[in-house]
């Protein structure tokens, strides 16, 4: 299932994002997360995204980040989270 991240992954959008992520987890065994639209991200947004990846793997689902924007790549690099998102 292909799922596209919103352009803003920030504290003000975390609750909406978590609800969307829950739907993704419920509806797919293989999730392809498209990050090309992300233009703003903060720690809360990255934490919610990390939670999605951890929950998917704990639920024996396949999850993959594809086409991450430079903004998203920079956030992942800054926090050294390659192993979580880019396996």
PDB file of N, CA and C in Angstrom:
ATOM      1  N   UNK A   1       0.851  -1.168   0.000  1.00  0.00           N
ATOM      2  CA  UNK A   1       0.000   0.000   0.000  1.00  0.00           C
ATOM      3  C   UNK A   1       0.899   1.233   0.000  1.00  0.00           C
ATOM      4  N   UNK A   2       0.663   2.152  -0.932  1.00  0.00           N
ATOM      5  CA  UNK A   2       1.441   3.379  -1.013  1.00  0.00           C
ATOM      6  C   UNK A   2       0.742   4.462  -0.198  1.00  0.00           C
ATOM      7  N   UNK A   3       1.489   5.077   0.720  1.00  0.00           N
ATOM      8  CA  UNK A   3       0.956   6.103   1.621  1.00  0.00           C
ATOM      9  C   UNK A   3       1.846   7.338   1.542  1.00  0.00           C
ATOM     10  N   UNK A   4       1.239   8.491   1.323  1.00  0.00           N
ATOM     11  CA  UNK A   4       1.993   9.725   1.141  1.00  0.00           C
ATOM     12  C   UNK A   4       1.940  10.568   2.409  1.00  0.00           C
ATOM     13  N   UNK A   5       3.116  10.963   2.890  1.00  0.00           N
ATOM     14  CA  UNK A   5       3.190  11.842   4.052  1.00  0.00           C
ATOM     15  C   UNK A   5       2.740  13.243   3.676  1.00  0.00           C
ATOM     16  N   UNK A   6       2.162  13.948   4.644  1.00  0.00           N
ATOM     17  CA  UNK A   6       1.770  15.342   4.445  1.00  0.00           C
ATOM     18  C   UNK A   6       3.001  16.227   4.326  1.00  0.00           C
ATOM     19  N   UNK A   7       2.808  17.440   3.860  1.00  0.00           N
ATOM     20  CA  UNK A   7       3.933  18.362   3.692  1.00  0.00           C
ATOM     21  C   UNK A   7       4.492  18.837   5.032  1.00  0.00           C
ATOM     22  N   UNK A   8       3.645  18.903   6.055  1.00  0.00           N
ATOM     23  CA  UNK A   8       4.093  19.345   7.380  1.00  0.00           C
ATOM     24  C   UNK A   8       3.927  18.211   8.388  1.00  0.00           C
ATOM     25  N   UNK A   9       5.037  17.833   9.006  1.00  0.00           N
ATOM     26  CA  UNK A   9       5.026  16.851  10.092  1.00  0.00           C
ATOM     27  C   UNK A   9       5.523  17.583  11.331  1.00  0.00           C
ATOM     28  N   UNK A  10       4.600  18.248  11.997  1.00  0.00           N
ATOM     29  CA  UNK A  10       4.952  19.109  13.128  1.00  0.00           C
ATOM     30  C   UNK A  10       4.007  18.867  14.294  1.00  0.00           C
ATOM     31  N   UNK A  11       4.328  19.442  15.418  1.00  0.00           N
ATOM     32  CA  UNK A  11       3.549  19.217  16.626  1.00  0.00           C
ATOM     33  C   UNK A  11       2.064  19.535  16.424  1.00  0.00           C
ATOM     34  N   UNK A  12       1.763  20.527  15.621  1.00  0.00           N
ATOM     35  CA  UNK A  12       0.366  20.893  15.381  1.00  0.00           C
ATOM     36  C   UNK A  12      -0.403  19.897  14.523  1.00  0.00           C
ATOM     37  N   UNK A  13       0.298  18.997  13.857  1.00  0.00           N
ATOM     38  CA  UNK A  13      -0.352  18.021  12.981  1.00  0.00           C
ATOM     39  C   UNK A  13      -0.192  16.576  13.464  1.00  0.00           C
ATOM     40  N   UNK A  14       0.447  16.401  14.599  1.00  0.00           N
ATOM     41  CA  UNK A  14       0.770  15.049  15.077  1.00  0.00           C
ATOM     42  C   UNK A  14      -0.475  14.208  15.333  1.00  0.00           C
ATOM     43  N   UNK A  15      -1.494  14.764  15.943  1.00  0.00           N
ATOM     44  CA  UNK A  15      -2.687  13.964  16.234  1.00  0.00           C
ATOM     45  C   UNK A  15      -3.351  13.478  14.956  1.00  0.00           C
ATOM     46  N   UNK A  16      -3.439  14.337  13.971  1.00  0.00           N
ATOM     47  CA  UNK A  16      -4.022  13.932  12.686  1.00  0.00           C
ATOM     48  C   UNK A  16      -3.139  12.884  12.013  1.00  0.00           C
ATOM     49  N   UNK A  17      -1.835  13.084  12.078  1.00  0.00           N
ATOM     50  CA  UNK A  17      -0.905  12.141  11.465  1.00  0.00           C
ATOM     51  C   UNK A  17      -1.012  10.769  12.134  1.00  0.00           C
ATOM     52  N   UNK A  18      -1.075  10.746  13.464  1.00  0.00           N
ATOM     53  CA  UNK A  18      -1.161   9.471  14.174  1.00  0.00           C
ATOM     54  C   UNK A  18      -2.425   8.710  13.806  1.00  0.00           C
ATOM     55  N   UNK A  19      -3.532   9.434  13.613  1.00  0.00           N
ATOM     56  CA  UNK A  19      -4.781   8.787  13.204  1.00  0.00           C
ATOM     57  C   UNK A  19      -4.621   8.181  11.803  1.00  0.00           C
ATOM     58  N   UNK A  20      -3.978   8.916  10.914  1.00  0.00           N
ATOM     59  CA  UNK A  20      -3.735   8.426   9.560  1.00  0.00           C
ATOM     60  C   UNK A  20      -2.810   7.210   9.601  1.00  0.00           C
ATOM     61  N   UNK A  21      -1.766   7.281  10.413  1.00  0.00           N
ATOM     62  CA  UNK A  21      -0.821   6.171  10.517  1.00  0.00           C
ATOM     63  C   UNK A  21      -1.512   4.910  11.052  1.00  0.00           C
ATOM     64  N   UNK A  22      -2.429   5.090  11.984  1.00  0.00           N
ATOM     65  CA  UNK A  22      -3.178   3.942  12.521  1.00  0.00           C
ATOM     66  C   UNK A  22      -3.992   3.264  11.428  1.00  0.00           C
ATOM     67  N   UNK A  23      -4.590   4.066  10.550  1.00  0.00           N
ATOM     68  CA  UNK A  23      -5.335   3.505   9.413  1.00  0.00           C
ATOM     69  C   UNK A  23      -4.401   2.727   8.494  1.00  0.00           C
ATOM     70  N   UNK A  24      -3.238   3.290   8.226  1.00  0.00           N
ATOM     71  CA  UNK A  24      -2.273   2.608   7.366  1.00  0.00           C
ATOM     72  C   UNK A  24      -1.897   1.259   7.956  1.00  0.00           C
ATOM     73  N   UNK A  25      -1.645   1.236   9.264  1.00  0.00           N
ATOM     74  CA  UNK A  25      -1.259  -0.017   9.922  1.00  0.00           C
ATOM     75  C   UNK A  25      -2.387  -1.043   9.881  1.00  0.00           C
ATOM     76  N   UNK A  26      -3.607  -0.574   9.999  1.00  0.00           N
ATOM     77  CA  UNK A  26      -4.751  -1.479  10.011  1.00  0.00           C
ATOM     78  C   UNK A  26      -5.071  -2.037   8.629  1.00  0.00           C
ATOM     79  N   UNK A  27      -4.693  -1.310   7.591  1.00  0.00           N
ATOM     80  CA  UNK A  27      -5.133  -1.675   6.245  1.00  0.00           C
ATOM     81  C   UNK A  27      -4.067  -2.255   5.329  1.00  0.00           C
ATOM     82  N   UNK A  28      -2.864  -2.421   5.814  1.00  0.00           N
ATOM     83  CA  UNK A  28      -1.840  -2.942   4.907  1.00  0.00           C
ATOM     84  C   UNK A  28      -0.787  -3.769   5.606  1.00  0.00           C
ATOM     85  N   UNK A  29      -0.362  -4.846   4.947  1.00  0.00           N
ATOM     86  CA  UNK A  29       0.733  -5.657   5.473  1.00  0.00           C
ATOM     87  C   UNK A  29       2.070  -5.191   4.923  1.00  0.00           C
ATOM     88  N   UNK A  30       2.009  -4.465   3.814  1.00  0.00           N
ATOM     89  CA  UNK A  30       3.199  -3.904   3.207  1.00  0.00           C
ATOM     90  C   UNK A  30       2.920  -2.425   2.940  1.00  0.00           C
ATOM     91  N   UNK A  31       3.676  -1.567   3.599  1.00  0.00           N
ATOM     92  CA  UNK A  31       3.415  -0.124   3.532  1.00  0.00           C
ATOM     93  C   UNK A  31       4.619   0.574   2.924  1.00  0.00           C
ATOM     94  N   UNK A  32       4.365   1.328   1.879  1.00  0.00           N
ATOM     95  CA  UNK A  32       5.386   2.137   1.234  1.00  0.00           C
ATOM     96  C   UNK A  32       5.075   3.597   1.567  1.00  0.00           C
ATOM     97  N   UNK A  33       5.922   4.213   2.382  1.00  0.00           N
ATOM     98  CA  UNK A  33       5.697   5.581   2.848  1.00  0.00           C
ATOM     99  C   UNK A  33       6.467   6.536   1.942  1.00  0.00           C
ATOM    100  N   UNK A  34       5.732   7.384   1.234  1.00  0.00           N
ATOM    101  CA  UNK A  34       6.329   8.337   0.301  1.00  0.00           C
ATOM    102  C   UNK A  34       6.559   9.656   1.041  1.00  0.00           C
ATOM    103  N   UNK A  35       7.820  10.086   1.090  1.00  0.00           N
ATOM    104  CA  UNK A  35       8.176  11.280   1.845  1.00  0.00           C
ATOM    105  C   UNK A  35       8.525  12.491   0.999  1.00  0.00           C
ATOM    106  N   UNK A  36       8.206  12.452  -0.273  1.00  0.00           N
ATOM    107  CA  UNK A  36       8.632  13.518  -1.191  1.00  0.00           C
ATOM    108  C   UNK A  36       7.973  14.867  -0.938  1.00  0.00           C
ATOM    109  N   UNK A  37       6.824  14.879  -0.275  1.00  0.00           N
ATOM    110  CA  UNK A  37       6.099  16.132  -0.054  1.00  0.00           C
ATOM    111  C   UNK A  37       6.490  16.848   1.241  1.00  0.00           C
ATOM    112  N   UNK A  38       7.269  16.205   2.079  1.00  0.00           N
ATOM    113  CA  UNK A  38       7.600  16.783   3.388  1.00  0.00           C
ATOM    114  C   UNK A  38       8.502  18.005   3.210  1.00  0.00           C
ATOM    115  N   UNK A  39       7.982  19.155   3.650  1.00  0.00           N
ATOM    116  CA  UNK A  39       8.771  20.393   3.553  1.00  0.00           C
ATOM    117  C   UNK A  39       9.055  20.988   4.930  1.00  0.00           C
ATOM    118  N   UNK A  40       8.311  20.519   5.948  1.00  0.00           N
ATOM    119  CA  UNK A  40       8.539  20.985   7.324  1.00  0.00           C
ATOM    120  C   UNK A  40       8.384  19.795   8.258  1.00  0.00           C
ATOM    121  N   UNK A  41       9.353  19.675   9.184  1.00  0.00           N
ATOM    122  CA  UNK A  41       9.291  18.581  10.154  1.00  0.00           C
ATOM    123  C   UNK A  41       9.957  19.038  11.440  1.00  0.00           C
ATOM    124  N   UNK A  42       9.372  18.656  12.564  1.00  0.00           N
ATOM    125  CA  UNK A  42       9.993  18.940  13.854  1.00  0.00           C
ATOM    126  C   UNK A  42      10.123  17.628  14.621  1.00  0.00           C
ATOM    127  N   UNK A  43      10.610  17.718  15.841  1.00  0.00           N
ATOM    128  CA  UNK A  43      10.864  16.512  16.635  1.00  0.00           C
ATOM    129  C   UNK A  43       9.596  15.700  16.870  1.00  0.00           C
ATOM    130  N   UNK A  44       8.485  16.364  17.108  1.00  0.00           N
ATOM    131  CA  UNK A  44       7.228  15.654  17.343  1.00  0.00           C
ATOM    132  C   UNK A  44       6.784  14.891  16.092  1.00  0.00           C
ATOM    133  N   UNK A  45       6.943  15.513  14.942  1.00  0.00           N
ATOM    134  CA  UNK A  45       6.573  14.857  13.694  1.00  0.00           C
ATOM    135  C   UNK A  45       7.461  13.661  13.400  1.00  0.00           C
ATOM    136  N   UNK A  46       8.745  13.817  13.651  1.00  0.00           N
ATOM    137  CA  UNK A  46       9.680  12.721  13.428  1.00  0.00           C
ATOM    138  C   UNK A  46       9.430  11.582  14.410  1.00  0.00           C
ATOM    139  N   UNK A  47       9.071  11.937  15.635  1.00  0.00           N
ATOM    140  CA  UNK A  47       8.763  10.911  16.634  1.00  0.00           C
ATOM    141  C   UNK A  47       7.520  10.116  16.234  1.00  0.00           C
ATOM    142  N   UNK A  48       6.497  10.797  15.724  1.00  0.00           N
ATOM    143  CA  UNK A  48       5.292  10.093  15.282  1.00  0.00           C
ATOM    144  C   UNK A  48       5.608   9.166  14.110  1.00  0.00           C
ATOM    145  N   UNK A  49       6.435   9.638  13.199  1.00  0.00           N
ATOM    146  CA  UNK A  49       6.827   8.820  12.057  1.00  0.00           C
ATOM    147  C   UNK A  49       7.653   7.612  12.516  1.00  0.00           C
ATOM    148  N   UNK A  50       8.536   7.832  13.461  1.00  0.00           N
ATOM    149  CA  UNK A  50       9.332   6.734  14.021  1.00  0.00           C
ATOM    150  C   UNK A  50       8.418   5.700  14.675  1.00  0.00           C
ATOM    151  N   UNK A  51       7.412   6.174  15.379  1.00  0.00           N
ATOM    152  CA  UNK A  51       6.460   5.280  16.025  1.00  0.00           C
ATOM    153  C   UNK A  51       5.726   4.415  14.997  1.00  0.00           C
ATOM    154  N   UNK A  52       5.383   5.007  13.849  1.00  0.00           N
ATOM    155  CA  UNK A  52       4.749   4.247  12.772  1.00  0.00           C
ATOM    156  C   UNK A  52       5.655   3.105  12.323  1.00  0.00           C
ATOM    157  N   UNK A  53       6.928   3.396  12.107  1.00  0.00           N
ATOM    158  CA  UNK A  53       7.863   2.377  11.630  1.00  0.00           C
ATOM    159  C   UNK A  53       8.070   1.283  12.670  1.00  0.00           C
ATOM    160  N   UNK A  54       8.212   1.649  13.928  1.00  0.00           N
ATOM    161  CA  UNK A  54       8.390   0.664  14.995  1.00  0.00           C
ATOM    162  C   UNK A  54       7.137  -0.205  15.134  1.00  0.00           C
ATOM    163  N   UNK A  55       5.972   0.424  15.126  1.00  0.00           N
ATOM    164  CA  UNK A  55       4.715  -0.326  15.259  1.00  0.00           C
ATOM    165  C   UNK A  55       4.518  -1.292  14.104  1.00  0.00           C
ATOM    166  N   UNK A  56       4.856  -0.851  12.901  1.00  0.00           N
ATOM    167  CA  UNK A  56       4.719  -1.724  11.732  1.00  0.00           C
ATOM    168  C   UNK A  56       5.612  -2.949  11.880  1.00  0.00           C
ATOM    169  N   UNK A  57       6.843  -2.733  12.243  1.00  0.00           N
ATOM    170  CA  UNK A  57       7.778  -3.863  12.369  1.00  0.00           C
ATOM    171  C   UNK A  57       7.395  -4.787  13.514  1.00  0.00           C
ATOM    172  N   UNK A  58       6.931  -4.214  14.613  1.00  0.00           N
ATOM    173  CA  UNK A  58       6.483  -5.054  15.730  1.00  0.00           C
ATOM    174  C   UNK A  58       5.257  -5.874  15.344  1.00  0.00           C
ATOM    175  N   UNK A  59       4.468  -5.348  14.406  1.00  0.00           N
ATOM    176  CA  UNK A  59       3.288  -6.063  13.923  1.00  0.00           C
ATOM    177  C   UNK A  59       3.583  -6.943  12.723  1.00  0.00           C
ATOM    178  N   UNK A  60       4.861  -7.199  12.478  1.00  0.00           N
ATOM    179  CA  UNK A  60       5.311  -8.060  11.372  1.00  0.00           C
ATOM    180  C   UNK A  60       4.865  -7.558  10.006  1.00  0.00           C
ATOM    181  N   UNK A  61       4.786  -6.254   9.867  1.00  0.00           N
ATOM    182  CA  UNK A  61       4.451  -5.646   8.586  1.00  0.00           C
ATOM    183  C   UNK A  61       5.734  -5.151   7.920  1.00  0.00           C
ATOM    184  N   UNK A  62       5.711  -5.100   6.624  1.00  0.00           N
ATOM    185  CA  UNK A  62       6.834  -4.560   5.872  1.00  0.00           C
ATOM    186  C   UNK A  62       6.579  -3.071   5.688  1.00  0.00           C
ATOM    187  N   UNK A  63       7.573  -2.243   5.995  1.00  0.00           N
ATOM    188  CA  UNK A  63       7.427  -0.803   5.830  1.00  0.00           C
ATOM    189  C   UNK A  63       8.717  -0.245   5.247  1.00  0.00           C
ATOM    190  N   UNK A  64       8.547   0.683   4.324  1.00  0.00           N
ATOM    191  CA  UNK A  64       9.694   1.241   3.620  1.00  0.00           C
ATOM    192  C   UNK A  64       9.453   2.720   3.343  1.00  0.00           C
ATOM    193  N   UNK A  65      10.471   3.530   3.577  1.00  0.00           N
ATOM    194  CA  UNK A  65      10.413   4.953   3.238  1.00  0.00           C
ATOM    195  C   UNK A  65      10.991   5.130   1.845  1.00  0.00           C
ATOM    196  N   UNK A  66      10.224   5.749   0.965  1.00  0.00           N
ATOM    197  CA  UNK A  66      10.683   5.990  -0.398  1.00  0.00           C
ATOM    198  C   UNK A  66      10.596   7.473  -0.730  1.00  0.00           C
ATOM    199  N   UNK A  67      11.466   7.915  -1.581  1.00  0.00           N
ATOM    200  CA  UNK A  67      11.506   9.292  -2.078  1.00  0.00           C
ATOM    201  C   UNK A  67      11.459  10.330  -0.953  1.00  0.00           C
ATOM    202  N   UNK A  68      12.273  10.191   0.085  1.00  0.00           N
ATOM    203  CA  UNK A  68      12.237  11.207   1.145  1.00  0.00           C
ATOM    204  C   UNK A  68      12.728  12.551   0.611  1.00  0.00           C
ATOM    205  N   UNK A  69      12.065  13.609   1.015  1.00  0.00           N
ATOM    206  CA  UNK A  69      12.489  14.953   0.620  1.00  0.00           C
ATOM    207  C   UNK A  69      13.823  15.278   1.288  1.00  0.00           C
ATOM    208  N   UNK A  70      14.475  16.313   0.822  1.00  0.00           N
ATOM    209  CA  UNK A  70      15.731  16.733   1.442  1.00  0.00           C
ATOM    210  C   UNK A  70      15.503  17.117   2.897  1.00  0.00           C
ATOM    211  N   UNK A  71      14.378  17.762   3.170  1.00  0.00           N
ATOM    212  CA  UNK A  71      14.036  18.153   4.548  1.00  0.00           C
ATOM    213  C   UNK A  71      13.931  16.929   5.451  1.00  0.00           C
ATOM    214  N   UNK A  72      13.250  15.915   4.979  1.00  0.00           N
ATOM    215  CA  UNK A  72      13.099  14.688   5.756  1.00  0.00           C
ATOM    216  C   UNK A  72      14.440  13.977   5.902  1.00  0.00           C
ATOM    217  N   UNK A  73      15.197  13.897   4.829  1.00  0.00           N
ATOM    218  CA  UNK A  73      16.530  13.304   4.903  1.00  0.00           C
ATOM    219  C   UNK A  73      17.418  14.025   5.913  1.00  0.00           C
ATOM    220  N   UNK A  74      17.365  15.347   5.909  1.00  0.00           N
ATOM    221  CA  UNK A  74      18.175  16.133   6.847  1.00  0.00           C
ATOM    222  C   UNK A  74      17.802  15.833   8.292  1.00  0.00           C
ATOM    223  N   UNK A  75      16.505  15.718   8.572  1.00  0.00           N
ATOM    224  CA  UNK A  75      16.051  15.414   9.933  1.00  0.00           C
ATOM    225  C   UNK A  75      16.522  14.030  10.360  1.00  0.00           C
ATOM    226  N   UNK A  76      16.409  13.068   9.458  1.00  0.00           N
ATOM    227  CA  UNK A  76      16.867  11.704   9.754  1.00  0.00           C
ATOM    228  C   UNK A  76      18.370  11.695  10.003  1.00  0.00           C
ATOM    229  N   UNK A  77      19.102  12.421   9.188  1.00  0.00           N
ATOM    230  CA  UNK A  77      20.563  12.503   9.328  1.00  0.00           C
ATOM    231  C   UNK A  77      20.955  13.172  10.641  1.00  0.00           C
ATOM    232  N   UNK A  78      20.299  14.276  10.966  1.00  0.00           N
ATOM    233  CA  UNK A  78      20.632  15.023  12.184  1.00  0.00           C
ATOM    234  C   UNK A  78      20.493  14.160  13.427  1.00  0.00           C
ATOM    235  N   UNK A  79      19.448  13.346  13.462  1.00  0.00           N
ATOM    236  CA  UNK A  79      19.178  12.510  14.629  1.00  0.00           C
ATOM    237  C   UNK A  79      19.733  11.088  14.499  1.00  0.00           C
ATOM    238  N   UNK A  80      20.479  10.846  13.424  1.00  0.00           N
ATOM    239  CA  UNK A  80      21.121   9.541  13.215  1.00  0.00           C
ATOM    240  C   UNK A  80      20.108   8.384  13.262  1.00  0.00           C
ATOM    241  N   UNK A  81      19.021   8.537  12.533  1.00  0.00           N
ATOM    242  CA  UNK A  81      17.961   7.530  12.533  1.00  0.00           C
ATOM    243  C   UNK A  81      17.910   6.703  11.253  1.00  0.00           C
ATOM    244  N   UNK A  82      19.022   6.642  10.542  1.00  0.00           N
ATOM    245  CA  UNK A  82      19.055   5.887   9.287  1.00  0.00           C
ATOM    246  C   UNK A  82      18.582   4.452   9.462  1.00  0.00           C
ATOM    247  N   UNK A  83      19.046   3.814  10.505  1.00  0.00           N
ATOM    248  CA  UNK A  83      18.726   2.397  10.683  1.00  0.00           C
ATOM    249  C   UNK A  83      17.227   2.175  10.869  1.00  0.00           C
ATOM    250  N   UNK A  84      16.524   3.142  11.381  1.00  0.00           N
ATOM    251  CA  UNK A  84      15.080   3.010  11.583  1.00  0.00           C
ATOM    252  C   UNK A  84      14.315   3.214  10.280  1.00  0.00           C
ATOM    253  N   UNK A  85      14.679   4.239   9.532  1.00  0.00           N
ATOM    254  CA  UNK A  85      13.895   4.611   8.357  1.00  0.00           C
ATOM    255  C   UNK A  85      14.420   4.068   7.032  1.00  0.00           C
ATOM    256  N   UNK A  86      15.709   3.874   6.922  1.00  0.00           N
ATOM    257  CA  UNK A  86      16.279   3.567   5.617  1.00  0.00           C
ATOM    258  C   UNK A  86      16.898   2.185   5.545  1.00  0.00           C
ATOM    259  N   UNK A  87      16.294   1.232   6.209  1.00  0.00           N
ATOM    260  CA  UNK A  87      16.795  -0.149   6.170  1.00  0.00           C
ATOM    261  C   UNK A  87      16.499  -0.774   4.831  1.00  0.00           C
TER     262      UNK A  87
END
